[in-house]
Protein backbone atom coordinates (compact mmCIF):
# COMPACT_ATOMS: atom_id res chain seq x y z
CA UNK A 1 0.01 -0.03 0.00
CA UNK A 2 1.48 3.38 -1.01
CA UNK A 3 2.10 5.97 1.80
CA UNK A 4 -0.47 8.33 0.25
CA UNK A 5 -3.15 5.65 0.67
CA UNK A 6 -2.18 5.14 4.31
CA UNK A 7 -2.65 8.84 4.86
CA UNK A 8 -6.06 8.66 3.21
CA UNK A 9 -6.93 5.83 5.63
CA UNK A 10 -6.09 8.10 8.55
CA UNK A 11 -8.06 10.93 6.98
CA UNK A 12 -11.04 8.55 6.43
CA UNK A 13 -11.32 7.94 10.19
CA UNK A 14 -11.44 11.71 10.81
CA UNK A 15 -13.99 12.22 7.94
CA UNK A 16 -16.31 9.45 9.15
CA UNK A 17 -16.30 10.09 12.82
CA UNK A 18 -15.90 13.89 12.54
CA UNK A 19 -18.54 14.04 9.84
CA UNK A 20 -20.98 12.17 12.03
CA UNK A 21 -20.30 14.54 14.89
CA UNK A 22 -20.60 17.62 12.68
CA UNK A 23 -23.74 16.64 10.77
CA UNK A 24 -25.62 14.70 13.46
CA UNK A 25 -24.40 15.92 16.89
CA UNK A 26 -27.56 14.97 18.70
CA UNK A 27 -27.29 11.44 17.32
CA UNK A 28 -23.77 11.22 18.63
CA UNK A 29 -24.83 12.53 22.00
CA UNK A 30 -27.79 10.08 22.28
CA UNK A 31 -25.62 7.10 21.31
CA UNK A 32 -22.28 7.80 23.00
CA UNK A 33 -23.00 9.77 26.20
CA UNK A 34 -24.52 8.17 29.29
CA UNK A 35 -27.99 9.62 30.04
CA UNK A 36 -26.84 11.75 33.00
CA UNK A 37 -24.47 13.69 30.62
CA UNK A 38 -27.10 14.36 27.95
CA UNK A 39 -27.83 17.82 29.32
CA UNK A 40 -30.46 18.76 26.75
CA UNK A 41 -29.04 22.24 26.41
CA UNK A 42 -27.94 23.51 23.02
CA UNK A 43 -24.36 23.97 24.12
CA UNK A 44 -23.66 20.22 24.11
CA UNK A 45 -24.77 19.71 20.50
CA UNK A 46 -22.79 22.78 19.62
CA UNK A 47 -19.64 21.49 21.26
CA UNK A 48 -19.95 18.03 19.64
CA UNK A 49 -20.50 19.73 16.29
CA UNK A 50 -17.33 21.86 16.85
CA UNK A 51 -15.45 18.72 17.71
CA UNK A 52 -16.60 17.21 14.49
CA UNK A 53 -15.56 20.29 12.48
CA UNK A 54 -12.10 20.08 14.03
CA UNK A 55 -11.86 16.37 13.15
CA UNK A 56 -12.77 17.24 9.55
CA UNK A 57 -9.94 19.82 9.36
CA UNK A 58 -7.59 17.21 10.77
CA UNK A 59 -8.78 14.80 8.04
CA UNK A 60 -7.91 17.45 5.42
CA UNK A 61 -4.46 17.89 6.82
CA UNK A 62 -3.96 14.10 6.90
CA UNK A 63 -5.19 13.74 3.31
CA UNK A 64 -3.26 16.53 1.69
CA UNK A 65 0.00 16.79 3.61
CA UNK A 66 3.19 14.92 2.79
CA UNK A 67 3.84 12.42 5.60
CA UNK A 68 7.40 11.26 6.31
CA UNK A 69 8.53 8.57 8.70
CA UNK A 70 8.80 11.26 11.37
CA UNK A 71 5.25 12.42 10.67
CA UNK A 72 3.85 8.90 11.15
CA UNK A 73 5.95 8.43 14.25
CA UNK A 74 4.92 11.71 15.87
CA UNK A 75 1.31 11.15 15.05
CA UNK A 76 1.35 7.68 16.46
CA UNK A 77 2.91 8.87 19.67
CA UNK A 78 0.36 11.73 19.89
CA UNK A 79 -2.47 9.18 19.78
CA UNK A 80 -1.42 7.49 23.06
CA UNK A 81 -3.13 10.07 25.39
CA UNK A 82 -6.41 9.51 23.47
CA UNK A 83 -6.35 5.85 24.58
CA UNK A 84 -6.00 6.97 28.21
CA UNK A 85 -8.91 9.39 27.60
CA UNK A 86 -11.12 6.68 26.14
CA UNK A 87 -10.33 4.18 28.83
CA UNK A 88 -10.76 6.73 31.67
CA UNK A 89 -14.15 8.11 30.46
CA UNK A 90 -15.49 4.65 29.58
CA UNK A 91 -14.31 2.58 32.50
CA UNK A 92 -12.88 4.68 35.42
CA UNK A 93 -15.09 7.69 35.45
CA UNK A 94 -17.77 6.71 32.92
CA UNK A 95 -19.21 9.45 30.63
CA UNK A 96 -19.46 7.33 27.47
CA UNK A 97 -21.53 4.34 26.53
CA UNK A 98 -19.97 1.37 24.80
CA UNK A 99 -20.79 3.05 21.43
CA UNK A 100 -18.42 5.81 22.55
CA UNK A 101 -15.62 3.27 22.12
CA UNK A 102 -15.93 3.84 18.39
CA UNK A 103 -13.49 6.69 19.03
CA UNK A 104 -10.98 4.17 20.46
CA UNK A 105 -11.57 1.93 17.43
CA UNK A 106 -10.76 4.89 15.22
CA UNK A 107 -7.66 5.53 17.23
CA UNK A 108 -6.55 1.87 16.94
CA UNK A 109 -7.00 2.04 13.10
CA UNK A 110 -5.01 5.23 12.94
CA UNK A 111 -2.26 3.85 15.17
CA UNK A 112 -2.00 0.77 13.04
CA UNK A 113 -1.82 2.94 9.89
CA UNK A 114 0.88 5.08 11.54
CA UNK A 115 3.00 1.91 12.17
CA UNK A 116 2.40 0.79 8.56
CA UNK A 117 3.18 4.29 7.21
CA UNK A 118 6.32 4.56 9.28
CA UNK A 119 7.55 1.25 7.91
CA UNK A 120 6.72 2.20 4.32
CA UNK A 121 7.80 5.82 4.25
CA UNK A 122 11.29 6.87 3.25
CA UNK A 123 12.94 9.94 4.76
């Protein structure tokens, strides 16, 4: 698989999950937040949609930048705190439902693609 396709795979995770949050924030809230965190105020949907918009921008950067081995390595390392976040707010101090682990699945996919990209990219 060419490095460019690996980047597009990373971008796809952002586009799918970010697009969902941007276009259907209330659906994301209903499926991924525990009932006590679904405040019903417009600020939560606004915040989720903003998160989705930021993810879409990240997807654009992933799709249209030139990744090197260092880029894949740095990105892979930068994903590690997100695994802690997902674990903490799913198992330790639950905020998310099991559906919220889709974010962790996306992070696993991106980490795997970072490893693959790091192996395939030439400096």
